[in-house]
Amino acid sequence: MKKINVAVAGLGRIGKIHLKNLCRNFPELEVVAVMDVLDESKAIADEFNIPNFTKDFDELLASPGLDVVVICSPTDTHADYVVKAAKAGKQIFCEKPLDLSLERVVEVLEIVKESGAKLMLGFNRRFDPEFKKIKQLVLNDAIGDPQIIKITSRDPGPPPVSYIKVSGGMFLDMTIHDFDMARYISGKQVKEVFAKGAVMVDPEIRKAGDIDTAIITLTFEDNTMAVIDNCRKAVYGYDQRLEVFGSKGMAQAENNFPNNHKLYTESGVSGDLPLHFFLERYDASYNQEMREFIDALVSGSEMPVNGNDGLLSIAIGLAAKKSLEENRPVKIDEILN
């Protein structure tokens, strides 16, 4: 059977993860080209024996026999690259977000629809094994009707201020994963957002016009609620927890650890800290999301995460920003209409 020819655009942290997985874990694929603006990234292409390295996206798209483009470049390139790939007749996997402008996202999704291209967005946390188990418990009615969802997402340390200045703000950069997770776990649509935030980690983040600590309350269409707490710095590691409380009980997914041993002595109980960074914590989820993307392409089924999922997560993020600025609950309809 003919192999699926894939190209990867962007060889930063996420791009390297996807390239490694594509080359090592997908025998039905052939990575035929990679693109990055940095000269030193050619060494990565050489490491995986990729025949074509370029700094130009148009040249990447022109690779002979190319079927699929995986876009992992900086956020401000996503929309343009997706449009070019769609018009070139390629299938597309793109890291989130598609763009920071809701209007631009709507425009891009219309072009993708008209082209007939398949598009999946990289909300990898949906594919984490523990979170998928929680989702299945909800689907199986094991906890009854969900009433409260609690999501804790705290980074081990903030990114550089230079990154924060161009990130779109914490809600569109960090919390956007949690907004998507809340929709995914509940299977419901958010109707209202109320956000409170502050700078408690680094005053330079305030100077950059952002926050580093927040609590967000989401209200769904049936009045189910979700509470998300975020912080850019947790001194003990990457804190990623999920809880769903319902009419029949509760389900929890706790942090992942290097190992699960505990030492009990007269001085107390000790064990390892949680895995320290997202590349470790979500290593399995990055591979699984690509597996499900490729499977959907081969089978012709719907994408596990589509463009509308990305659109709604951005809308929730923009509602959270407006709520923070105006100190009031914001209806999603205020953002989408």
C-alpha atoms as a PDB file:
ATOM      1  CA  MET A   1       0.000   0.000   0.000  1.00  0.00           C
ATOM      2  CA  LYS A   2       1.258   3.472  -0.882  1.00  0.00           C
ATOM      3  CA  LYS A   3       2.628   5.389   2.066  1.00  0.00           C
ATOM      4  CA  ILE A   4       1.125   8.725   3.121  1.00  0.00           C
ATOM      5  CA  ASN A   5       3.638  11.508   2.474  1.00  0.00           C
ATOM      6  CA  VAL A   6       3.873  14.035   5.314  1.00  0.00           C
ATOM      7  CA  ALA A   7       5.702  17.339   5.792  1.00  0.00           C
ATOM      8  CA  VAL A   8       6.289  19.132   9.088  1.00  0.00           C
ATOM      9  CA  ALA A   9       6.404  22.936   9.283  1.00  0.00           C
ATOM     10  CA  GLY A  10       8.144  24.274  12.392  1.00  0.00           C
ATOM     11  CA  LEU A  11      10.736  22.392  14.434  1.00  0.00           C
ATOM     12  CA  GLY A  12      10.359  23.991  17.841  1.00  0.00           C
ATOM     13  CA  ARG A  13       9.484  21.967  20.923  1.00  0.00           C
ATOM     14  CA  ILE A  14       6.164  20.641  19.627  1.00  0.00           C
ATOM     15  CA  GLY A  15       7.445  20.182  16.076  1.00  0.00           C
ATOM     16  CA  LYS A  16      10.276  17.973  17.302  1.00  0.00           C
ATOM     17  CA  ILE A  17       7.835  15.844  19.300  1.00  0.00           C
ATOM     18  CA  HIS A  18       5.566  15.323  16.293  1.00  0.00           C
ATOM     19  CA  LEU A  19       8.490  14.665  13.943  1.00  0.00           C
ATOM     20  CA  LYS A  20       9.933  12.055  16.301  1.00  0.00           C
ATOM     21  CA  ASN A  21       6.569  10.307  16.641  1.00  0.00           C
ATOM     22  CA  LEU A  22       5.828  10.404  12.911  1.00  0.00           C
ATOM     23  CA  CYS A  23       9.221   8.914  12.029  1.00  0.00           C
ATOM     24  CA  ARG A  24       9.312   6.264  14.747  1.00  0.00           C
ATOM     25  CA  ASN A  25       5.734   5.169  15.337  1.00  0.00           C
ATOM     26  CA  PHE A  26       3.922   5.390  11.992  1.00  0.00           C
ATOM     27  CA  PRO A  27       5.256   2.886   9.452  1.00  0.00           C
ATOM     28  CA  GLU A  28       2.422   3.775   7.070  1.00  0.00           C
ATOM     29  CA  LEU A  29       3.821   7.324   6.722  1.00  0.00           C
ATOM     30  CA  GLU A  30       6.850   8.845   5.027  1.00  0.00           C
ATOM     31  CA  VAL A  31       8.098  12.238   6.246  1.00  0.00           C
ATOM     32  CA  VAL A  32       9.362  13.736   2.990  1.00  0.00           C
ATOM     33  CA  ALA A  33      10.099  17.326   4.019  1.00  0.00           C
ATOM     34  CA  VAL A  34      10.513  19.630   7.001  1.00  0.00           C
ATOM     35  CA  MET A  35      10.615  23.405   7.249  1.00  0.00           C
ATOM     36  CA  ASP A  36      12.038  25.769   9.830  1.00  0.00           C
ATOM     37  CA  VAL A  37      13.449  29.285   9.711  1.00  0.00           C
ATOM     38  CA  LEU A  38      16.546  28.384  11.760  1.00  0.00           C
ATOM     39  CA  ASP A  39      19.651  27.003  10.041  1.00  0.00           C
ATOM     40  CA  GLU A  40      20.438  24.727  12.970  1.00  0.00           C
ATOM     41  CA  SER A  41      17.153  22.867  12.457  1.00  0.00           C
ATOM     42  CA  LYS A  42      18.680  21.134   9.444  1.00  0.00           C
ATOM     43  CA  ALA A  43      20.527  18.923  11.921  1.00  0.00           C
ATOM     44  CA  ILE A  44      17.154  17.619  13.115  1.00  0.00           C
ATOM     45  CA  ALA A  45      16.149  16.808   9.543  1.00  0.00           C
ATOM     46  CA  ASP A  46      19.448  14.994   9.048  1.00  0.00           C
ATOM     47  CA  GLU A  47      18.974  13.031  12.278  1.00  0.00           C
ATOM     48  CA  PHE A  48      15.724  11.567  10.939  1.00  0.00           C
ATOM     49  CA  ASN A  49      16.986  11.221   7.340  1.00  0.00           C
ATOM     50  CA  ILE A  50      14.443  13.675   5.952  1.00  0.00           C
ATOM     51  CA  PRO A  51      15.375  14.267   2.305  1.00  0.00           C
ATOM     52  CA  ASN A  52      14.125  17.845   1.988  1.00  0.00           C
ATOM     53  CA  PHE A  53      14.849  20.704   4.428  1.00  0.00           C
ATOM     54  CA  THR A  54      13.652  24.208   3.609  1.00  0.00           C
ATOM     55  CA  LYS A  55      13.049  27.565   5.253  1.00  0.00           C
ATOM     56  CA  ASP A  56      10.129  28.374   2.956  1.00  0.00           C
ATOM     57  CA  PHE A  57       6.574  27.096   3.442  1.00  0.00           C
ATOM     58  CA  ASP A  58       5.672  27.400  -0.241  1.00  0.00           C
ATOM     59  CA  GLU A  59       8.660  25.216  -1.095  1.00  0.00           C
ATOM     60  CA  LEU A  60       7.532  22.715   1.533  1.00  0.00           C
ATOM     61  CA  LEU A  61       4.069  22.553  -0.061  1.00  0.00           C
ATOM     62  CA  ALA A  62       5.637  21.915  -3.447  1.00  0.00           C
ATOM     63  CA  SER A  63       7.266  18.668  -2.250  1.00  0.00           C
ATOM     64  CA  PRO A  64       6.429  15.935  -4.819  1.00  0.00           C
ATOM     65  CA  GLY A  65       3.605  13.609  -3.788  1.00  0.00           C
ATOM     66  CA  LEU A  66       2.855  15.485  -0.563  1.00  0.00           C
ATOM     67  CA  ASP A  67      -0.409  14.447   1.115  1.00  0.00           C
ATOM     68  CA  VAL A  68      -0.394  15.917   4.635  1.00  0.00           C
ATOM     69  CA  VAL A  69       1.067  19.009   6.306  1.00  0.00           C
ATOM     70  CA  VAL A  70       1.665  19.140  10.070  1.00  0.00           C
ATOM     71  CA  ILE A  71       1.892  22.793  11.152  1.00  0.00           C
ATOM     72  CA  CYS A  72       3.854  23.466  14.349  1.00  0.00           C
ATOM     73  CA  SER A  73       5.219  26.915  13.508  1.00  0.00           C
ATOM     74  CA  PRO A  74       4.590  30.084  15.600  1.00  0.00           C
ATOM     75  CA  THR A  75       0.941  31.037  16.163  1.00  0.00           C
ATOM     76  CA  ASP A  76       1.042  34.093  13.898  1.00  0.00           C
ATOM     77  CA  THR A  77       1.788  31.834  10.898  1.00  0.00           C
ATOM     78  CA  HIS A  78      -0.950  29.247  11.483  1.00  0.00           C
ATOM     79  CA  ALA A  79      -3.800  30.901   9.613  1.00  0.00           C
ATOM     80  CA  ASP A  80      -1.755  31.746   6.517  1.00  0.00           C
ATOM     81  CA  TYR A  81      -0.171  28.286   6.377  1.00  0.00           C
ATOM     82  CA  VAL A  82      -3.517  26.516   6.784  1.00  0.00           C
ATOM     83  CA  VAL A  83      -5.016  28.586   3.953  1.00  0.00           C
ATOM     84  CA  LYS A  84      -2.086  27.828   1.650  1.00  0.00           C
ATOM     85  CA  ALA A  85      -2.163  24.119   2.483  1.00  0.00           C
ATOM     86  CA  ALA A  86      -5.929  23.899   1.955  1.00  0.00           C
ATOM     87  CA  LYS A  87      -5.743  25.662  -1.401  1.00  0.00           C
ATOM     88  CA  ALA A  88      -2.925  23.306  -2.390  1.00  0.00           C
ATOM     89  CA  GLY A  89      -5.198  20.325  -1.705  1.00  0.00           C
ATOM     90  CA  LYS A  90      -3.319  19.016   1.346  1.00  0.00           C
ATOM     91  CA  GLN A  91      -4.760  17.482   4.508  1.00  0.00           C
ATOM     92  CA  ILE A  92      -3.834  19.487   7.600  1.00  0.00           C
ATOM     93  CA  PHE A  93      -2.925  19.036  11.237  1.00  0.00           C
ATOM     94  CA  CYS A  94      -2.339  22.402  12.947  1.00  0.00           C
ATOM     95  CA  GLU A  95      -1.295  23.184  16.483  1.00  0.00           C
ATOM     96  CA  LYS A  96      -3.629  25.459  18.434  1.00  0.00           C
ATOM     97  CA  PRO A  97      -4.707  28.194  18.164  1.00  0.00           C
ATOM     98  CA  LEU A  98      -5.588  28.688  14.530  1.00  0.00           C
ATOM     99  CA  ASP A  99      -5.316  32.452  15.089  1.00  0.00           C
ATOM    100  CA  LEU A 100      -5.837  34.978  17.889  1.00  0.00           C
ATOM    101  CA  SER A 101      -8.534  36.807  15.903  1.00  0.00           C
ATOM    102  CA  LEU A 102     -12.001  35.258  15.866  1.00  0.00           C
ATOM    103  CA  GLU A 103     -12.780  36.941  12.546  1.00  0.00           C
ATOM    104  CA  ARG A 104      -9.661  35.463  10.963  1.00  0.00           C
ATOM    105  CA  VAL A 105     -10.482  32.005  12.288  1.00  0.00           C
ATOM    106  CA  VAL A 106     -13.973  32.173  10.764  1.00  0.00           C
ATOM    107  CA  GLU A 107     -12.469  33.284   7.453  1.00  0.00           C
ATOM    108  CA  VAL A 108      -9.879  30.477   7.437  1.00  0.00           C
ATOM    109  CA  LEU A 109     -12.413  27.789   8.324  1.00  0.00           C
ATOM    110  CA  GLU A 110     -14.625  28.889   5.443  1.00  0.00           C
ATOM    111  CA  ILE A 111     -11.676  28.561   3.036  1.00  0.00           C
ATOM    112  CA  VAL A 112     -10.854  25.106   4.416  1.00  0.00           C
ATOM    113  CA  LYS A 113     -14.483  24.028   4.010  1.00  0.00           C
ATOM    114  CA  GLU A 114     -14.610  25.270   0.415  1.00  0.00           C
ATOM    115  CA  SER A 115     -11.354  23.464  -0.404  1.00  0.00           C
ATOM    116  CA  GLY A 116     -12.602  20.127   0.911  1.00  0.00           C
ATOM    117  CA  ALA A 117      -9.455  19.694   3.001  1.00  0.00           C
ATOM    118  CA  LYS A 118      -9.517  17.859   6.328  1.00  0.00           C
ATOM    119  CA  LEU A 119      -8.305  19.931   9.295  1.00  0.00           C
ATOM    120  CA  MET A 120      -7.528  18.827  12.834  1.00  0.00           C
ATOM    121  CA  LEU A 121      -6.361  21.141  15.617  1.00  0.00           C
ATOM    122  CA  GLY A 122      -3.814  20.035  18.207  1.00  0.00           C
ATOM    123  CA  PHE A 123      -5.658  20.011  21.518  1.00  0.00           C
ATOM    124  CA  ASN A 124      -3.552  17.115  22.741  1.00  0.00           C
ATOM    125  CA  ARG A 125      -4.951  16.864  26.275  1.00  0.00           C
ATOM    126  CA  ARG A 126      -8.092  15.192  24.932  1.00  0.00           C
ATOM    127  CA  PHE A 127      -5.860  12.221  24.101  1.00  0.00           C
ATOM    128  CA  ASP A 128      -4.214  11.836  27.502  1.00  0.00           C
ATOM    129  CA  PRO A 129      -4.962   8.264  28.688  1.00  0.00           C
ATOM    130  CA  GLU A 130      -6.223   9.352  32.122  1.00  0.00           C
ATOM    131  CA  PHE A 131      -8.437  12.129  30.778  1.00  0.00           C
ATOM    132  CA  LYS A 132      -9.848   9.777  28.129  1.00  0.00           C
ATOM    133  CA  LYS A 133     -10.825   7.388  30.949  1.00  0.00           C
ATOM    134  CA  ILE A 134     -12.709  10.206  32.677  1.00  0.00           C
ATOM    135  CA  LYS A 135     -14.485  11.032  29.419  1.00  0.00           C
ATOM    136  CA  GLN A 136     -15.496   7.384  29.024  1.00  0.00           C
ATOM    137  CA  LEU A 137     -16.842   7.286  32.584  1.00  0.00           C
ATOM    138  CA  VAL A 138     -18.997  10.315  31.776  1.00  0.00           C
ATOM    139  CA  LEU A 139     -20.242   8.691  28.551  1.00  0.00           C
ATOM    140  CA  ASN A 140     -21.001   5.450  30.413  1.00  0.00           C
ATOM    141  CA  ASP A 141     -23.108   7.348  32.984  1.00  0.00           C
ATOM    142  CA  ALA A 142     -20.816   6.076  35.747  1.00  0.00           C
ATOM    143  CA  ILE A 143     -21.041   9.383  37.642  1.00  0.00           C
ATOM    144  CA  GLY A 144     -24.559  10.286  36.566  1.00  0.00           C
ATOM    145  CA  ASP A 145     -25.389  13.785  35.388  1.00  0.00           C
ATOM    146  CA  PRO A 146     -22.233  15.949  35.631  1.00  0.00           C
ATOM    147  CA  GLN A 147     -22.785  18.942  37.885  1.00  0.00           C
ATOM    148  CA  ILE A 148     -19.326  20.382  38.593  1.00  0.00           C
ATOM    149  CA  ILE A 149     -16.089  19.993  36.633  1.00  0.00           C
ATOM    150  CA  LYS A 150     -12.857  21.114  38.292  1.00  0.00           C
ATOM    151  CA  ILE A 151      -9.675  21.586  36.268  1.00  0.00           C
ATOM    152  CA  THR A 152      -6.310  22.493  37.785  1.00  0.00           C
ATOM    153  CA  SER A 153      -3.599  23.514  35.325  1.00  0.00           C
ATOM    154  CA  ARG A 154      -0.404  25.030  36.720  1.00  0.00           C
ATOM    155  CA  ASP A 155       2.943  25.307  34.961  1.00  0.00           C
ATOM    156  CA  PRO A 156       6.267  24.694  36.731  1.00  0.00           C
ATOM    157  CA  GLY A 157       7.436  28.144  35.628  1.00  0.00           C
ATOM    158  CA  PRO A 158       6.372  30.993  33.344  1.00  0.00           C
ATOM    159  CA  PRO A 159       7.619  31.302  29.772  1.00  0.00           C
ATOM    160  CA  PRO A 160       9.937  34.193  28.846  1.00  0.00           C
ATOM    161  CA  VAL A 161       8.292  37.613  28.952  1.00  0.00           C
ATOM    162  CA  SER A 162       9.243  38.009  25.282  1.00  0.00           C
ATOM    163  CA  TYR A 163       6.926  35.072  24.549  1.00  0.00           C
ATOM    164  CA  ILE A 164       4.137  36.360  26.784  1.00  0.00           C
ATOM    165  CA  LYS A 165       4.101  39.639  24.843  1.00  0.00           C
ATOM    166  CA  VAL A 166       3.115  37.825  21.629  1.00  0.00           C
ATOM    167  CA  SER A 167       1.135  34.906  23.115  1.00  0.00           C
ATOM    168  CA  GLY A 168      -2.282  36.544  23.064  1.00  0.00           C
ATOM    169  CA  GLY A 169      -2.439  36.429  26.866  1.00  0.00           C
ATOM    170  CA  MET A 170      -2.782  33.585  29.343  1.00  0.00           C
ATOM    171  CA  PHE A 171      -6.372  32.757  28.440  1.00  0.00           C
ATOM    172  CA  LEU A 172      -5.564  32.231  24.733  1.00  0.00           C
ATOM    173  CA  ASP A 173      -2.186  30.612  25.322  1.00  0.00           C
ATOM    174  CA  MET A 174      -2.483  28.464  28.445  1.00  0.00           C
ATOM    175  CA  THR A 175      -6.114  28.264  29.563  1.00  0.00           C
ATOM    176  CA  ILE A 176      -7.345  27.554  26.032  1.00  0.00           C
ATOM    177  CA  HIS A 177      -6.428  23.889  26.648  1.00  0.00           C
ATOM    178  CA  ASP A 178      -8.635  23.881  29.751  1.00  0.00           C
ATOM    179  CA  PHE A 179     -11.519  25.522  27.908  1.00  0.00           C
ATOM    180  CA  ASP A 180     -11.335  22.757  25.311  1.00  0.00           C
ATOM    181  CA  MET A 181     -11.062  20.104  28.037  1.00  0.00           C
ATOM    182  CA  ALA A 182     -14.164  21.441  29.797  1.00  0.00           C
ATOM    183  CA  ARG A 183     -16.170  21.212  26.561  1.00  0.00           C
ATOM    184  CA  TYR A 184     -14.750  17.783  25.729  1.00  0.00           C
ATOM    185  CA  ILE A 185     -15.410  16.217  29.123  1.00  0.00           C
ATOM    186  CA  SER A 186     -18.905  17.682  29.514  1.00  0.00           C
ATOM    187  CA  GLY A 187     -20.006  17.274  25.907  1.00  0.00           C
ATOM    188  CA  LYS A 188     -21.804  20.602  26.361  1.00  0.00           C
ATOM    189  CA  GLN A 189     -21.478  24.167  25.172  1.00  0.00           C
ATOM    190  CA  VAL A 190     -20.416  27.055  27.381  1.00  0.00           C
ATOM    191  CA  LYS A 191     -22.902  29.921  27.635  1.00  0.00           C
ATOM    192  CA  GLU A 192     -21.200  32.222  30.178  1.00  0.00           C
ATOM    193  CA  VAL A 193     -17.691  32.971  31.459  1.00  0.00           C
ATOM    194  CA  PHE A 194     -16.551  34.768  34.602  1.00  0.00           C
ATOM    195  CA  ALA A 195     -12.819  35.272  35.153  1.00  0.00           C
ATOM    196  CA  LYS A 196     -10.714  36.743  37.913  1.00  0.00           C
ATOM    197  CA  GLY A 197      -6.977  37.136  37.554  1.00  0.00           C
ATOM    198  CA  ALA A 198      -3.890  38.704  39.074  1.00  0.00           C
ATOM    199  CA  VAL A 199      -0.106  38.892  38.823  1.00  0.00           C
ATOM    200  CA  MET A 200       1.405  36.901  41.682  1.00  0.00           C
ATOM    201  CA  VAL A 201       4.475  35.326  40.078  1.00  0.00           C
ATOM    202  CA  ASP A 202       6.415  37.969  38.141  1.00  0.00           C
ATOM    203  CA  PRO A 203       5.797  41.762  37.962  1.00  0.00           C
ATOM    204  CA  GLU A 204       7.303  41.742  34.458  1.00  0.00           C
ATOM    205  CA  ILE A 205       4.252  39.804  33.295  1.00  0.00           C
ATOM    206  CA  ARG A 206       2.063  42.740  34.399  1.00  0.00           C
ATOM    207  CA  LYS A 207       4.297  45.101  32.412  1.00  0.00           C
ATOM    208  CA  ALA A 208       3.731  42.862  29.399  1.00  0.00           C
ATOM    209  CA  GLY A 209      -0.026  43.364  29.835  1.00  0.00           C
ATOM    210  CA  ASP A 210      -0.872  39.900  31.087  1.00  0.00           C
ATOM    211  CA  ILE A 211      -1.677  37.946  34.263  1.00  0.00           C
ATOM    212  CA  ASP A 212      -0.108  34.799  35.683  1.00  0.00           C
ATOM    213  CA  THR A 213      -2.770  33.520  38.102  1.00  0.00           C
ATOM    214  CA  ALA A 214      -6.500  33.071  37.463  1.00  0.00           C
ATOM    215  CA  ILE A 215      -9.741  31.376  38.400  1.00  0.00           C
ATOM    216  CA  ILE A 216     -12.372  31.014  35.704  1.00  0.00           C
ATOM    217  CA  THR A 217     -15.946  29.818  36.125  1.00  0.00           C
ATOM    218  CA  LEU A 218     -17.750  28.425  33.088  1.00  0.00           C
ATOM    219  CA  THR A 219     -21.506  27.934  32.992  1.00  0.00           C
ATOM    220  CA  PHE A 220     -22.839  25.483  30.418  1.00  0.00           C
ATOM    221  CA  GLU A 221     -26.131  25.566  28.576  1.00  0.00           C
ATOM    222  CA  ASP A 222     -27.805  23.317  31.195  1.00  0.00           C
ATOM    223  CA  ASN A 223     -26.257  25.266  34.130  1.00  0.00           C
ATOM    224  CA  THR A 224     -23.579  22.629  34.769  1.00  0.00           C
ATOM    225  CA  MET A 225     -20.476  24.501  35.965  1.00  0.00           C
ATOM    226  CA  ALA A 226     -16.727  24.181  35.519  1.00  0.00           C
ATOM    227  CA  VAL A 227     -14.077  25.836  37.668  1.00  0.00           C
ATOM    228  CA  ILE A 228     -10.579  26.237  36.247  1.00  0.00           C
ATOM    229  CA  ASP A 229      -7.602  27.395  38.275  1.00  0.00           C
ATOM    230  CA  ASN A 230      -4.370  28.402  36.554  1.00  0.00           C
ATOM    231  CA  CYS A 231      -0.978  29.615  37.637  1.00  0.00           C
ATOM    232  CA  ARG A 232       2.188  30.123  35.633  1.00  0.00           C
ATOM    233  CA  LYS A 233       4.366  28.766  38.474  1.00  0.00           C
ATOM    234  CA  ALA A 234       3.957  25.706  40.676  1.00  0.00           C
ATOM    235  CA  VAL A 235       7.247  25.108  42.492  1.00  0.00           C
ATOM    236  CA  TYR A 236       6.587  21.358  42.759  1.00  0.00           C
ATOM    237  CA  GLY A 237       6.166  20.672  39.026  1.00  0.00           C
ATOM    238  CA  TYR A 238       3.551  20.439  36.309  1.00  0.00           C
ATOM    239  CA  ASP A 239       0.184  20.276  38.080  1.00  0.00           C
ATOM    240  CA  GLN A 240      -2.531  18.774  35.854  1.00  0.00           C
ATOM    241  CA  ARG A 241      -5.644  17.444  37.575  1.00  0.00           C
ATOM    242  CA  LEU A 242      -9.256  16.874  36.596  1.00  0.00           C
ATOM    243  CA  GLU A 243     -12.387  16.087  38.601  1.00  0.00           C
ATOM    244  CA  VAL A 244     -15.974  15.524  37.524  1.00  0.00           C
ATOM    245  CA  PHE A 245     -18.674  15.500  40.207  1.00  0.00           C
ATOM    246  CA  GLY A 246     -22.106  14.179  39.306  1.00  0.00           C
ATOM    247  CA  SER A 247     -25.389  12.853  40.597  1.00  0.00           C
ATOM    248  CA  LYS A 248     -24.031   9.291  41.031  1.00  0.00           C
ATOM    249  CA  GLY A 249     -20.524  10.051  42.242  1.00  0.00           C
ATOM    250  CA  MET A 250     -17.181  11.548  41.281  1.00  0.00           C
ATOM    251  CA  ALA A 251     -14.252  10.730  38.990  1.00  0.00           C
ATOM    252  CA  GLN A 252     -10.731  12.122  39.340  1.00  0.00           C
ATOM    253  CA  ALA A 253      -7.537  12.111  37.292  1.00  0.00           C
ATOM    254  CA  GLU A 254      -4.466  12.992  39.333  1.00  0.00           C
ATOM    255  CA  ASN A 255      -0.974  14.118  38.383  1.00  0.00           C
ATOM    256  CA  ASN A 256       1.488  11.784  36.700  1.00  0.00           C
ATOM    257  CA  PHE A 257       4.703  10.951  38.559  1.00  0.00           C
ATOM    258  CA  PRO A 258       8.043   9.436  37.513  1.00  0.00           C
ATOM    259  CA  ASN A 259       7.074   6.532  39.778  1.00  0.00           C
ATOM    260  CA  ASN A 260       4.407   5.888  42.379  1.00  0.00           C
ATOM    261  CA  HIS A 261       6.471   4.745  45.341  1.00  0.00           C
ATOM    262  CA  LYS A 262       6.106   6.380  48.765  1.00  0.00           C
ATOM    263  CA  LEU A 263       8.593   6.284  51.643  1.00  0.00           C
ATOM    264  CA  TYR A 264       7.050   6.085  55.113  1.00  0.00           C
ATOM    265  CA  THR A 265       9.291   6.852  58.098  1.00  0.00           C
ATOM    266  CA  GLU A 266       8.907   8.329  61.574  1.00  0.00           C
ATOM    267  CA  SER A 267       9.650  11.713  59.989  1.00  0.00           C
ATOM    268  CA  GLY A 268       6.781  11.558  57.543  1.00  0.00           C
ATOM    269  CA  VAL A 269       5.772  10.318  54.087  1.00  0.00           C
ATOM    270  CA  SER A 270       7.703  11.302  50.960  1.00  0.00           C
ATOM    271  CA  GLY A 271       7.635  10.588  47.240  1.00  0.00           C
ATOM    272  CA  ASP A 272       8.557  12.057  43.875  1.00  0.00           C
ATOM    273  CA  LEU A 273       7.242  15.373  42.580  1.00  0.00           C
ATOM    274  CA  PRO A 274       4.916  15.387  39.538  1.00  0.00           C
ATOM    275  CA  LEU A 275       6.484  15.245  36.090  1.00  0.00           C
ATOM    276  CA  HIS A 276       8.051  18.626  35.594  1.00  0.00           C
ATOM    277  CA  PHE A 277       7.063  19.769  32.107  1.00  0.00           C
ATOM    278  CA  PHE A 278       4.324  19.351  29.514  1.00  0.00           C
ATOM    279  CA  LEU A 279       6.579  17.458  27.084  1.00  0.00           C
ATOM    280  CA  GLU A 280       6.982  14.719  29.693  1.00  0.00           C
ATOM    281  CA  ARG A 281       3.450  14.845  31.099  1.00  0.00           C
ATOM    282  CA  TYR A 282       1.728  14.658  27.726  1.00  0.00           C
ATOM    283  CA  ASP A 283       4.213  12.580  25.740  1.00  0.00           C
ATOM    284  CA  ALA A 284       1.697   9.759  25.176  1.00  0.00           C
ATOM    285  CA  SER A 285      -1.091  12.176  24.258  1.00  0.00           C
ATOM    286  CA  TYR A 286       0.924  13.772  21.427  1.00  0.00           C
ATOM    287  CA  ASN A 287       1.433  10.356  19.844  1.00  0.00           C
ATOM    288  CA  GLN A 288      -2.203   9.341  20.329  1.00  0.00           C
ATOM    289  CA  GLU A 289      -3.619  12.531  18.813  1.00  0.00           C
ATOM    290  CA  MET A 290      -1.512  11.979  15.694  1.00  0.00           C
ATOM    291  CA  ARG A 291      -2.637   8.339  15.601  1.00  0.00           C
ATOM    292  CA  GLU A 292      -6.290   9.403  15.640  1.00  0.00           C
ATOM    293  CA  PHE A 293      -5.664  12.119  13.032  1.00  0.00           C
ATOM    294  CA  ILE A 294      -4.091   9.646  10.620  1.00  0.00           C
ATOM    295  CA  ASP A 295      -6.779   7.039  11.311  1.00  0.00           C
ATOM    296  CA  ALA A 296      -9.487   9.611  10.538  1.00  0.00           C
ATOM    297  CA  LEU A 297      -7.773  10.486   7.255  1.00  0.00           C
ATOM    298  CA  VAL A 298      -7.509   6.836   6.211  1.00  0.00           C
ATOM    299  CA  SER A 299     -11.065   5.934   7.229  1.00  0.00           C
ATOM    300  CA  GLY A 300     -12.638   9.162   5.994  1.00  0.00           C
ATOM    301  CA  SER A 301     -14.260   9.728   9.372  1.00  0.00           C
ATOM    302  CA  GLU A 302     -14.738  13.044  11.171  1.00  0.00           C
ATOM    303  CA  MET A 303     -11.701  14.688  12.735  1.00  0.00           C
ATOM    304  CA  PRO A 304     -11.494  14.125  16.525  1.00  0.00           C
ATOM    305  CA  VAL A 305     -10.895  17.859  17.025  1.00  0.00           C
ATOM    306  CA  ASN A 306     -12.259  20.074  14.265  1.00  0.00           C
ATOM    307  CA  GLY A 307     -12.047  23.729  13.346  1.00  0.00           C
ATOM    308  CA  ASN A 308     -15.221  24.596  15.225  1.00  0.00           C
ATOM    309  CA  ASP A 309     -13.708  23.186  18.435  1.00  0.00           C
ATOM    310  CA  GLY A 310     -10.834  25.608  17.981  1.00  0.00           C
ATOM    311  CA  LEU A 311     -13.195  28.481  17.211  1.00  0.00           C
ATOM    312  CA  LEU A 312     -15.259  27.917  20.359  1.00  0.00           C
ATOM    313  CA  SER A 313     -12.175  27.635  22.592  1.00  0.00           C
ATOM    314  CA  ILE A 314     -10.937  30.978  21.270  1.00  0.00           C
ATOM    315  CA  ALA A 315     -14.385  32.501  21.846  1.00  0.00           C
ATOM    316  CA  ILE A 316     -14.311  31.310  25.472  1.00  0.00           C
ATOM    317  CA  GLY A 317     -10.812  32.763  25.844  1.00  0.00           C
ATOM    318  CA  LEU A 318     -11.918  36.126  24.468  1.00  0.00           C
ATOM    319  CA  ALA A 319     -14.944  36.075  26.785  1.00  0.00           C
ATOM    320  CA  ALA A 320     -12.592  35.407  29.725  1.00  0.00           C
ATOM    321  CA  LYS A 321     -10.414  38.368  28.722  1.00  0.00           C
ATOM    322  CA  LYS A 322     -13.476  40.617  28.474  1.00  0.00           C
ATOM    323  CA  SER A 323     -14.757  39.333  31.834  1.00  0.00           C
ATOM    324  CA  LEU A 324     -11.421  40.102  33.482  1.00  0.00           C
ATOM    325  CA  GLU A 325     -11.277  43.580  31.986  1.00  0.00           C
ATOM    326  CA  GLU A 326     -14.884  44.474  32.845  1.00  0.00           C
ATOM    327  CA  ASN A 327     -15.207  42.470  36.088  1.00  0.00           C
ATOM    328  CA  ARG A 328     -18.474  40.799  35.075  1.00  0.00           C
ATOM    329  CA  PRO A 329     -19.813  37.555  33.633  1.00  0.00           C
ATOM    330  CA  VAL A 330     -19.717  37.543  29.826  1.00  0.00           C
ATOM    331  CA  LYS A 331     -22.098  35.596  27.606  1.00  0.00           C
ATOM    332  CA  ILE A 332     -20.486  33.675  24.761  1.00  0.00           C
ATOM    333  CA  ASP A 333     -23.077  35.181  22.451  1.00  0.00           C
ATOM    334  CA  GLU A 334     -21.499  38.583  23.102  1.00  0.00           C
ATOM    335  CA  ILE A 335     -18.314  37.271  21.490  1.00  0.00           C
ATOM    336  CA  LEU A 336     -19.767  35.174  18.673  1.00  0.00           C
ATOM    337  CA  ASN A 337     -22.416  37.652  17.504  1.00  0.00           C
END
